[in-house]
Protein backbone atom coordinates (compact mmCIF):
# COMPACT_ATOMS: atom_id res chain seq x y z
CA UNK A 1 0.00 0.00 0.00
CA UNK A 2 1.39 3.36 -0.98
CA UNK A 3 1.27 6.28 1.40
CA UNK A 4 -1.02 8.97 0.02
CA UNK A 5 1.05 11.76 1.58
CA UNK A 6 4.51 10.26 1.05
CA UNK A 7 6.07 13.35 -0.50
CA UNK A 8 3.96 15.67 1.64
CA UNK A 9 5.14 14.51 5.07
CA UNK A 10 7.16 17.40 6.50
CA UNK A 11 10.18 15.36 7.51
CA UNK A 12 13.64 16.94 7.55
CA UNK A 13 16.77 15.41 9.00
CA UNK A 14 19.62 17.65 10.09
CA UNK A 15 23.06 16.06 10.01
CA UNK A 16 24.46 18.91 12.10
CA UNK A 17 21.99 18.09 14.91
CA UNK A 18 23.70 16.08 17.66
CA UNK A 19 20.66 13.76 17.88
CA UNK A 20 21.07 10.57 15.83
CA UNK A 21 19.13 10.49 12.55
CA UNK A 22 16.74 7.72 13.71
CA UNK A 23 15.94 9.74 16.86
CA UNK A 24 15.20 12.82 14.77
CA UNK A 25 12.86 10.79 12.59
CA UNK A 26 11.15 9.23 15.62
CA UNK A 27 10.57 12.66 17.13
CA UNK A 28 9.09 14.09 13.95
CA UNK A 29 6.85 11.11 13.21
CA UNK A 30 5.63 11.02 16.82
CA UNK A 31 4.77 14.73 16.58
CA UNK A 32 2.81 14.10 13.36
CA UNK A 33 0.79 11.36 15.07
CA UNK A 34 0.18 13.36 18.26
CA UNK A 35 -0.85 16.46 16.28
CA UNK A 36 -3.29 14.44 14.16
CA UNK A 37 -1.43 15.06 10.90
CA UNK A 38 -1.12 11.27 10.73
CA UNK A 39 -4.33 9.58 11.89
CA UNK A 40 -4.96 6.08 13.25
CA UNK A 41 -4.96 3.55 10.42
CA UNK A 42 -3.16 5.86 8.01
CA UNK A 43 -0.27 4.19 6.16
CA UNK A 44 3.29 5.42 6.39
CA UNK A 45 5.62 5.53 3.40
CA UNK A 46 7.55 2.34 2.67
CA UNK A 47 10.95 2.31 4.37
CA UNK A 48 12.94 2.17 1.13
CA UNK A 49 11.08 5.09 -0.44
CA UNK A 50 11.27 7.26 2.66
CA UNK A 51 14.97 6.49 3.09
CA UNK A 52 15.65 7.48 -0.52
CA UNK A 53 13.66 10.71 -0.16
CA UNK A 54 15.51 11.65 3.05
CA UNK A 55 18.92 10.58 1.75
CA UNK A 56 19.55 8.07 4.55
CA UNK A 57 19.96 4.33 4.78
CA UNK A 58 16.90 2.13 4.97
CA UNK A 59 18.18 1.01 8.38
CA UNK A 60 17.67 4.54 9.72
CA UNK A 61 13.99 4.43 8.79
CA UNK A 62 13.55 0.83 9.97
CA UNK A 63 15.08 1.75 13.34
CA UNK A 64 12.68 4.69 13.71
CA UNK A 65 9.63 2.64 12.67
CA UNK A 66 10.66 -0.17 15.05
CA UNK A 67 10.95 2.24 17.98
CA UNK A 68 7.56 3.79 17.26
CA UNK A 69 6.07 0.32 16.90
CA UNK A 70 7.47 -0.59 20.32
CA UNK A 71 5.97 2.59 21.79
CA UNK A 72 2.56 1.68 20.37
CA UNK A 73 2.35 4.43 17.75
CA UNK A 74 2.69 2.16 14.72
CA UNK A 75 1.34 -1.20 13.65
CA UNK A 76 3.14 -3.32 11.09
CA UNK A 77 1.48 -5.78 8.75
CA UNK A 78 2.94 -7.68 5.84
CA UNK A 79 4.07 -5.03 3.41
CA UNK A 80 2.69 -2.00 5.26
CA UNK A 81 3.21 0.09 8.36
CA UNK A 82 0.30 2.19 9.60
CA UNK A 83 -0.41 4.48 12.51
CA UNK A 84 -1.80 2.10 15.10
CA UNK A 85 -5.56 1.86 14.49
CA UNK A 86 -6.32 1.55 18.21
CA UNK A 87 -4.21 4.54 19.20
CA UNK A 88 -5.98 6.42 21.99
CA UNK A 89 -6.08 10.16 21.58
């Protein structure tokens, strides 16, 4: 499933920031979920595509998605990662 907002997600990584790139991505994605810009059940961009758009390794995106999954923000299914449908607001 393709993310309908893939190119529209306002994600920017700053290599001069002392925070690791995955942590920057986690922070920004979490803020998008908390603010409602990404709603429960909404798909996220595929890791390869997002990594290419941000100019980082796929591992950076996978690490961020894995952390957010562990925190309960994301839900992974075969071939897709979505904002957790049961996420309480």
